[in-house]
Every structure is written in structure tokens, then in C-alpha cells.
Protein backbone atom coordinates (compact mmCIF):
# COMPACT_ATOMS: atom_id res chain seq x y z
CA MET A 1 46.68 70.64 -12.38
CA LEU A 2 46.86 67.61 -10.05
CA ASN A 3 50.65 67.86 -9.84
CA ILE A 4 50.44 71.56 -8.96
CA THR A 5 47.92 70.82 -6.20
CA LEU A 6 50.09 68.02 -4.79
CA ILE A 7 53.19 70.22 -4.79
CA PHE A 8 51.26 73.00 -3.04
CA PHE A 9 49.97 70.59 -0.38
CA VAL A 10 53.44 69.21 0.32
CA SER A 11 54.83 72.74 0.49
CA VAL A 12 52.20 73.78 3.05
CA ILE A 13 53.02 70.78 5.26
CA PHE A 14 56.72 71.51 4.91
CA GLU A 15 56.23 75.12 6.02
CA LEU A 16 54.08 74.10 8.98
CA SER A 17 56.65 71.56 10.17
CA GLN A 18 59.32 74.23 10.20
CA THR A 19 57.65 75.81 13.23
CA TYR A 20 58.58 72.74 15.28
CA GLU A 21 62.09 71.84 16.38
CA ASN A 22 64.15 69.38 14.32
CA LEU A 23 64.77 66.78 17.02
CA ALA A 24 67.14 64.61 14.94
CA VAL A 25 69.98 67.06 14.21
CA ASN A 26 73.38 65.54 15.11
CA ARG A 27 71.77 62.76 17.12
CA LYS A 28 73.28 59.29 17.41
CA THR A 29 72.49 57.06 14.41
CA GLU A 30 73.15 53.52 13.16
CA GLN A 31 72.38 51.46 10.04
CA SER A 32 72.17 47.84 8.97
CA SER A 33 75.34 48.00 6.81
CA ILE A 34 77.77 50.54 5.34
CA SER A 35 78.45 50.64 1.62
CA GLU A 36 81.89 50.39 0.11
CA GLN A 37 81.89 54.18 -0.26
CA SER A 38 81.74 54.45 3.58
CA LYS A 39 78.57 56.51 3.53
CA HIS A 40 77.98 56.43 7.29
CA SER A 41 74.64 56.94 9.04
CA GLY A 42 75.41 60.39 10.51
CA LEU A 43 75.20 62.05 7.09
CA ALA A 44 71.40 61.81 7.35
CA VAL A 45 71.21 64.06 10.43
CA ASP A 46 73.87 66.72 9.73
CA ASN A 47 71.18 69.34 8.94
CA ASN A 48 72.28 69.39 5.28
CA THR A 49 69.44 68.72 2.83
CA ASP A 50 71.72 68.66 -0.22
CA GLN A 51 70.59 65.61 -2.21
CA ARG A 52 73.82 64.90 -4.05
CA VAL A 53 75.61 61.63 -3.47
CA SER A 54 78.36 63.16 -1.30
CA SER A 55 75.78 64.24 1.30
CA CYS A 56 73.92 60.93 1.68
CA MET A 57 74.33 57.82 3.82
CA ARG A 58 74.10 54.48 2.03
CA THR A 59 73.79 50.81 2.90
CA ASN A 60 74.69 47.85 0.72
CA LEU A 61 72.18 46.37 -1.71
CA GLU A 62 70.39 43.76 0.40
CA GLN A 63 67.03 42.09 0.91
CA GLU A 64 66.55 43.92 4.20
CA VAL A 65 67.95 47.35 5.15
CA TRP A 66 67.34 49.83 7.97
CA TRP A 67 68.59 53.11 9.41
CA ARG A 68 67.81 54.47 12.90
CA VAL A 69 68.19 57.75 14.84
CA ASP A 70 68.12 58.01 18.63
CA LEU A 71 66.42 61.23 19.76
CA GLY A 72 67.99 60.88 23.23
CA GLU A 73 64.69 60.58 25.11
CA ILE A 74 60.99 60.23 24.40
CA LYS A 75 59.83 63.13 22.25
CA SER A 76 56.46 64.36 21.02
CA ILE A 77 56.77 63.92 17.24
CA TYR A 78 54.71 65.82 14.69
CA ASP A 79 56.09 64.71 11.33
CA ILE A 80 59.09 63.15 9.56
CA GLN A 81 60.66 64.38 6.31
CA VAL A 82 62.79 62.12 4.12
CA PHE A 83 65.30 63.39 1.51
CA TYR A 84 66.58 60.78 -0.95
CA ARG A 85 69.55 61.12 -3.26
CA ASN A 86 68.62 63.13 -6.36
CA ASP A 87 71.45 63.68 -8.80
CA SER A 88 69.08 64.06 -11.75
CA ASP A 89 70.94 61.43 -13.72
CA ALA A 90 69.80 58.44 -15.74
CA ASN A 91 69.63 56.20 -12.65
CA VAL A 92 66.94 58.15 -10.81
CA LYS A 93 64.19 55.69 -11.81
CA THR A 94 66.23 52.76 -10.55
CA ARG A 95 66.89 54.43 -7.21
CA VAL A 96 63.21 55.29 -6.77
CA ASP A 97 62.33 51.63 -7.33
CA TYR A 98 64.81 50.66 -4.62
CA HIS A 99 63.10 52.99 -2.14
CA ALA A 100 59.56 51.81 -2.93
CA GLY A 101 57.85 49.96 -0.09
CA PHE A 102 59.80 51.70 2.70
CA ALA A 103 58.30 52.18 6.18
CA LEU A 104 58.89 54.47 9.16
CA TYR A 105 58.61 53.17 12.73
CA ILE A 106 58.68 55.04 16.05
CA SER A 107 59.55 53.20 19.27
CA ASN A 108 60.74 53.71 22.83
CA THR A 109 63.30 50.88 22.70
CA LYS A 110 65.54 49.06 20.21
CA CYS A 111 64.88 45.66 21.73
CA ASP A 112 62.12 44.73 19.28
CA GLY A 113 64.23 45.22 16.17
CA PRO A 114 63.82 47.68 13.29
CA THR A 115 60.07 47.05 12.96
CA GLY A 116 59.27 47.39 16.66
CA GLY A 117 57.10 50.19 18.00
CA GLN A 118 54.37 51.99 16.08
CA LEU A 119 54.14 52.19 12.31
CA CYS A 120 54.21 55.83 11.23
CA TYR A 121 54.08 55.37 7.46
CA LYS A 122 54.19 52.56 4.88
CA ASN A 123 54.72 53.20 1.16
CA ASP A 124 52.62 50.69 -0.74
CA ASP A 125 50.56 52.71 -3.21
CA GLY A 126 53.15 54.00 -5.68
CA GLU A 127 56.76 54.98 -6.18
CA PRO A 128 57.85 57.45 -3.48
CA PRO A 129 58.96 61.00 -4.32
CA LEU A 130 62.59 61.93 -3.69
CA GLN A 131 61.45 64.31 -0.95
CA SER A 132 58.48 63.33 1.20
CA ASP A 133 56.74 64.43 4.38
CA HIS A 134 54.85 62.10 6.69
CA ILE A 135 52.70 63.39 9.56
CA CYS A 136 52.56 61.00 12.49
CA GLN A 137 51.82 62.45 15.92
CA ILE A 138 53.42 59.76 18.06
CA HIS A 139 55.58 59.84 21.17
CA GLY A 140 58.84 57.93 20.98
CA ARG A 141 62.64 57.94 21.22
CA TYR A 142 63.78 56.00 18.15
CA VAL A 143 62.84 56.66 14.51
CA THR A 144 63.63 53.83 12.11
CA TYR A 145 63.63 53.77 8.31
CA TYR A 146 63.02 50.22 7.08
CA ASN A 147 62.72 48.43 3.72
CA GLU A 148 62.84 44.84 2.57
CA ARG A 149 62.41 42.48 -0.35
CA THR A 150 61.93 39.25 1.57
CA GLY A 151 58.50 38.61 0.11
CA SER A 152 56.87 38.27 3.54
CA GLY A 153 55.30 41.72 3.59
CA SER A 154 56.80 43.93 0.96
CA ASN A 155 53.51 45.21 -0.50
CA LEU A 156 55.37 46.87 -3.36
CA PRO A 157 53.81 48.98 -6.09
CA PRO A 158 53.06 46.85 -9.19
CA SER A 159 55.78 48.55 -11.26
CA VAL A 160 58.58 47.54 -8.87
CA VAL A 161 60.22 44.24 -9.71
CA ASN A 162 63.68 44.40 -8.12
CA THR A 163 64.55 41.77 -5.50
CA VAL A 164 66.95 43.87 -3.43
CA THR A 165 66.79 47.31 -1.87
CA VAL A 166 69.06 50.01 -0.47
CA ALA A 167 68.80 52.86 2.01
CA GLU A 168 70.32 56.02 0.55
CA LEU A 169 69.19 58.92 2.72
CA CYS A 170 70.58 62.42 2.37
CA GLU A 171 68.61 63.81 5.36
CA VAL A 172 65.92 62.65 7.77
CA GLN A 173 64.27 65.44 9.74
CA VAL A 174 62.08 64.66 12.75
CA PHE A 175 59.99 67.66 13.81
CA GLY A 176 58.21 67.96 17.13
CA CYS A 177 58.60 69.04 20.76
CA SER A 178 60.04 67.76 23.97
CA THR A 179 57.56 66.02 26.25
CA GLY A 180 55.51 68.28 28.51
CA VAL A 181 54.88 71.01 25.92
CA PHE A 182 52.93 71.43 22.69
CA GLY A 183 52.02 74.02 20.06
CA ASP A 184 53.69 75.41 16.95
CA ASP A 185 56.56 76.90 18.94
CA CYS A 186 56.58 74.23 21.67
CA ALA A 187 55.78 76.90 24.28
CA GLU A 188 52.45 75.69 25.69
CA PRO A 189 52.63 73.33 28.71
CA CYS A 190 50.62 70.13 28.60
CA PRO A 191 47.61 70.08 30.97
CA GLN A 192 48.80 69.39 34.51
CA ASN A 193 46.82 66.16 34.88
CA CYS A 194 48.25 64.45 31.77
CA ARG A 195 49.95 61.22 32.82
CA ASP A 196 53.76 61.51 32.45
CA ASP A 197 53.27 64.98 30.89
CA LEU A 198 52.38 63.38 27.55
CA CYS A 199 50.00 65.29 25.28
CA LYS A 200 49.48 65.57 21.53
CA VAL A 201 51.99 67.97 20.06
CA GLU A 202 49.45 69.90 17.97
CA THR A 203 46.39 70.15 20.23
CA GLY A 204 47.57 69.48 23.80
CA VAL A 205 45.07 66.63 24.24
CA CYS A 206 46.34 64.25 26.94
CA LEU A 207 47.24 60.71 25.95
CA GLN A 208 46.16 59.49 29.40
CA CYS A 209 45.03 61.10 32.65
CA VAL A 210 46.39 60.66 36.14
CA ASP A 211 44.09 58.87 38.59
CA GLY A 212 41.00 60.84 39.54
CA TRP A 213 40.76 62.87 36.31
CA LYS A 214 39.17 62.39 32.90
CA GLY A 215 38.39 64.23 29.66
CA GLU A 216 40.53 65.18 26.66
CA PHE A 217 42.50 67.66 28.75
CA CYS A 218 42.12 65.71 32.02
CA ASN A 219 40.29 68.65 33.60
CA GLN A 220 37.20 66.76 34.79
CA THR A 221 37.19 65.00 38.14
CA THR A 222 35.97 61.42 38.37
CA THR A 223 34.54 62.03 41.90
CA VAL A 224 30.78 61.42 41.98
CA PHE A 225 28.69 64.22 43.51
CA ILE A 226 25.02 63.67 44.43
CA SER A 227 22.95 66.76 43.77
CA VAL A 228 19.42 67.32 45.05
CA PRO A 229 17.28 68.96 42.37
CA GLN A 230 15.46 72.11 43.38
CA PRO A 231 11.77 72.58 42.61
CA ILE A 232 11.07 74.32 39.34
CA GLY A 233 10.99 78.07 39.80
CA SER A 234 12.69 77.97 43.22
CA GLN A 235 15.27 80.59 43.94
CA PRO A 236 18.42 80.22 46.05
CA PRO A 237 18.11 81.74 49.57
CA SER A 238 19.00 85.42 49.91
CA ASN A 239 21.67 86.75 52.26
CA TYR A 240 18.97 88.07 54.61
CA THR A 241 17.33 84.63 54.84
CA VAL A 242 20.67 83.03 55.64
CA PHE A 243 21.34 85.63 58.37
CA ILE A 244 17.94 85.02 60.01
CA ALA A 245 18.55 81.26 59.94
CA ILE A 246 21.93 81.68 61.65
CA VAL A 247 20.47 83.95 64.40
CA PHE A 248 17.62 81.52 65.01
CA GLY A 249 20.08 78.65 65.29
CA VAL A 250 22.23 80.50 67.84
CA ILE A 251 19.17 81.36 69.98
CA LEU A 252 17.96 77.78 69.86
CA MET A 253 21.35 76.48 70.96
CA PHE A 254 21.42 78.98 73.86
CA LEU A 255 17.98 77.85 75.05
CA VAL A 256 19.03 74.22 74.93
CA VAL A 257 22.10 74.98 77.06
CA VAL A 258 20.00 76.92 79.64
CA ILE A 259 17.43 74.11 79.92
CA VAL A 260 20.13 71.48 80.36
CA ALA A 261 21.78 73.59 83.10
CA LEU A 262 18.47 74.04 84.97
CA LEU A 263 17.69 70.34 84.84
CA TYR A 264 21.15 69.56 86.13
CA ASN A 265 20.73 71.94 89.14
CA VAL A 266 17.28 70.55 90.01
CA ARG A 267 18.59 67.01 89.94
CA LYS A 268 21.58 67.96 92.08
CA SER A 269 19.32 69.68 94.68
CA LYS A 270 17.08 66.62 94.98
CA SER A 271 20.10 64.40 95.43
CA SER A 272 21.41 66.57 98.32
CA LYS A 273 18.05 66.49 100.16
CA SER A 274 17.90 62.74 99.78
CA ASN A 275 21.31 62.36 101.38
CA VAL A 276 20.29 64.54 104.38
CA ASN A 277 17.10 62.58 104.96
CA ALA A 278 19.02 59.34 104.84
CA ALA A 279 21.50 60.59 107.43
CA TYR A 280 18.92 62.15 109.70
CA GLN A 281 16.85 59.37 111.22
CA GLY A 282 14.99 60.60 114.28
CA THR A 283 12.54 58.88 116.63
CA LEU A 284 9.68 60.83 118.03
CA PRO A 285 8.83 60.27 121.69
CA ALA A 286 6.15 57.75 122.35
CA GLU A 287 2.64 58.89 123.04
CA GLU A 288 2.98 58.18 126.63
CA SER A 289 6.01 60.36 126.85
CA GLN A 290 4.41 63.39 125.27
CA GLY A 291 4.96 66.38 127.45
CA SER A 292 8.39 65.20 128.40
CA ASN A 293 11.25 67.43 127.67
CA TYR A 294 13.34 65.25 125.39
CA ALA A 295 13.42 63.20 122.19
CA THR A 296 15.94 60.67 121.06
CA LEU A 297 17.99 61.53 117.93
CA ASN A 298 20.13 59.03 116.07
CA LEU A 299 22.68 61.28 114.38
CA GLU A 300 25.56 60.31 112.15
CA PRO A 301 28.85 61.57 113.50
CA THR A 302 29.24 63.91 110.58
CA TYR A 303 25.97 65.69 111.24
CA LEU A 304 26.57 65.64 114.92
CA GLY A 305 29.82 67.43 114.42
CA HIS A 306 28.60 69.98 111.91
CA GLN A 307 25.02 70.68 112.89
CA TYR A 308 24.87 70.00 116.64
CA GLY A 309 28.38 70.51 117.79
CA HIS A 310 27.32 73.42 119.92
CA LEU A 311 25.13 71.07 121.96
CA GLU A 312 27.93 68.73 122.92
CA THR A 313 28.62 68.44 126.57
CA SER A 314 31.01 66.51 128.60
CA ASN A 315 30.24 62.92 129.47
CA ALA A 316 29.60 63.93 133.04
CA SER A 317 26.87 66.40 132.19
CA ARG A 318 25.10 64.62 129.29
CA SER A 319 22.65 62.77 131.53
CA SER A 320 21.66 65.90 133.34
CA HIS A 321 21.08 68.05 130.21
CA PRO A 322 17.47 69.34 130.49
CA TYR A 323 16.70 69.35 126.77
CA LEU A 324 18.81 66.91 124.88
CA SER A 325 20.34 63.60 125.47
CA VAL A 326 22.95 62.70 122.86
CA LEU A 327 23.44 58.99 122.41
């Protein structure tokens, strides 16, 4: 019953992964060594899942082996499926022991060696099946299969006693989407505020947000708004109330302008009168001269010209003028 359940679970995962694109088909590959049978690394990405020996890449028997595929650019990976050689002969148990303890790594560069990047899967709890599926939602460019018997970190199942290992892969399928999209058919765009257009391939959750945004989908602003709470039971103003407030404001502004204009005119009028008084300095006749027919006026030339020009006389007649003597 347990075996049937396990097979069903693996089958469900396999069917789900088929909705994503196989990103590894015919991509550039490399491996730690090539066996005498010249089983080169490209046989593991030719889109042929036949598990007979003629369809599989193979390294030499060594203490440390690896195989790597370059996806061409950073991709949004959903899961990785591994197909080992399975000829159904007497040596199957031996080959399974060789594969025990393998690991899958995903990285953006090759500079850190075969174990650089993020660990997707490590087999350390039992002998691996000859076809396995490993979900690891990670972004990366390089997928590396790695195994070793150096004793530094093998973590092998108790039944495995061999001191060397081999990589014999018939097919490695890497399912996922290009960056910037997600979903079963890779048709949904990542949220626009995801940094570098990177989101989880299954849910669309952003790995990081651009500056100023937060939340799983980067749809919440980080700007702080200060809100003033309204009294309990208060209602927002109606349109009529807003209209009355606007009319009142316009009237108030008009009154302010009128008052300012009136004050300005009054001040200007006072200033003009002050200037006239300053320019017009007259002397009344002395008491003893009351009844005489003249007064002395000290007039600025400007006012003389504009206000009393009609009284000007020639120099010869000024002294004999009966009413006015202009100095």
C-alpha cells in the first residue's frame, strides 16, 4: 500500500511539472570526466528519457563526480527530474549504490565550483530511485549534479559501502519559466514592483521589492501617511456642505480684497494732502497790516507754475499789482 501511495505521489508531481517548460533541452553541458565509452554530457539533455545505456552520459568511476547544464540565463525553476540508467539487469543494485548520496545545486555562476550556489536536494536517507523528481523553487542559471566519496560530507545511507561513485544520467529535465513570468503555463507576469522581475514560479510572490514598496506582491507603499481620526459616529461632509464652504470662502476673499483696496486709497489720499501742505507755506499779514490788500505767499516753483500761473505778470508790473505780490 505504501509503495502504491509513493508511486501515485511521484506521478502527480511528474504530471504537474509537465505544465512548465523544460528549460534544459539541448542546452550546453559539461562533466567532470568522460568514460571510455565516450558517453558525453549532452546525452542528458537531448529530450530522450530512454534509460538504456546507449542514451545515457557517463563519467569515470571516481571519488568525486559532477555534471552541469547551463540554462543560458537566470531562470525561475520549479523542479528537477533525474533519469538514471535502468537496463533491468543484475547490476542495477550496484548502480543504485553508486548514485546514493547525490546532490543537486543551482547557481548563477560556475566560479564557486560544482557545490556553489544553493542546495536543491541531497540524498542521504536511502538509496535513490532510478527516476526521481525534486521540487526546488529557486532562481538560477546553472544546475549541477554532484556526488562524492571523499568522506568529508558524503552522508551515505547505511547500506552503501562503495568508495567510488559515477554519474550515469540518461536525462535531466529542469522545469520552470523564464524570469518575469509565473504560473502553470508561464503566462502570468510577475508583479511590476518585484526587483529584477523575480517572483516565485508557482505563486508570483516577489523575492524582493523595488525601493518604496513592500508586501508579498510588492503592492504596498512604504510611504507613511498621518491620518486624523474622526469622532465616532461622524459622517463625511455632503456635497451641499462642500459647496456652501466654497461659496463662503470666495465671498470672504472678495471682502478682503475690497478692504485692502480701500485702505490703500485712503493712505494714498492722505499722502497727497501732506505733500501739498508741505509745499504750500504761506504767511498771513501781521495784525497791523490787516485791512491791507495783500499777503505774502512763499510758493514752490511747481505750484506757482501750475496753480497760479494765470497771476504771473511781467517784472515791470509785479510791484504795482493791486492784489498780489509774487516773490
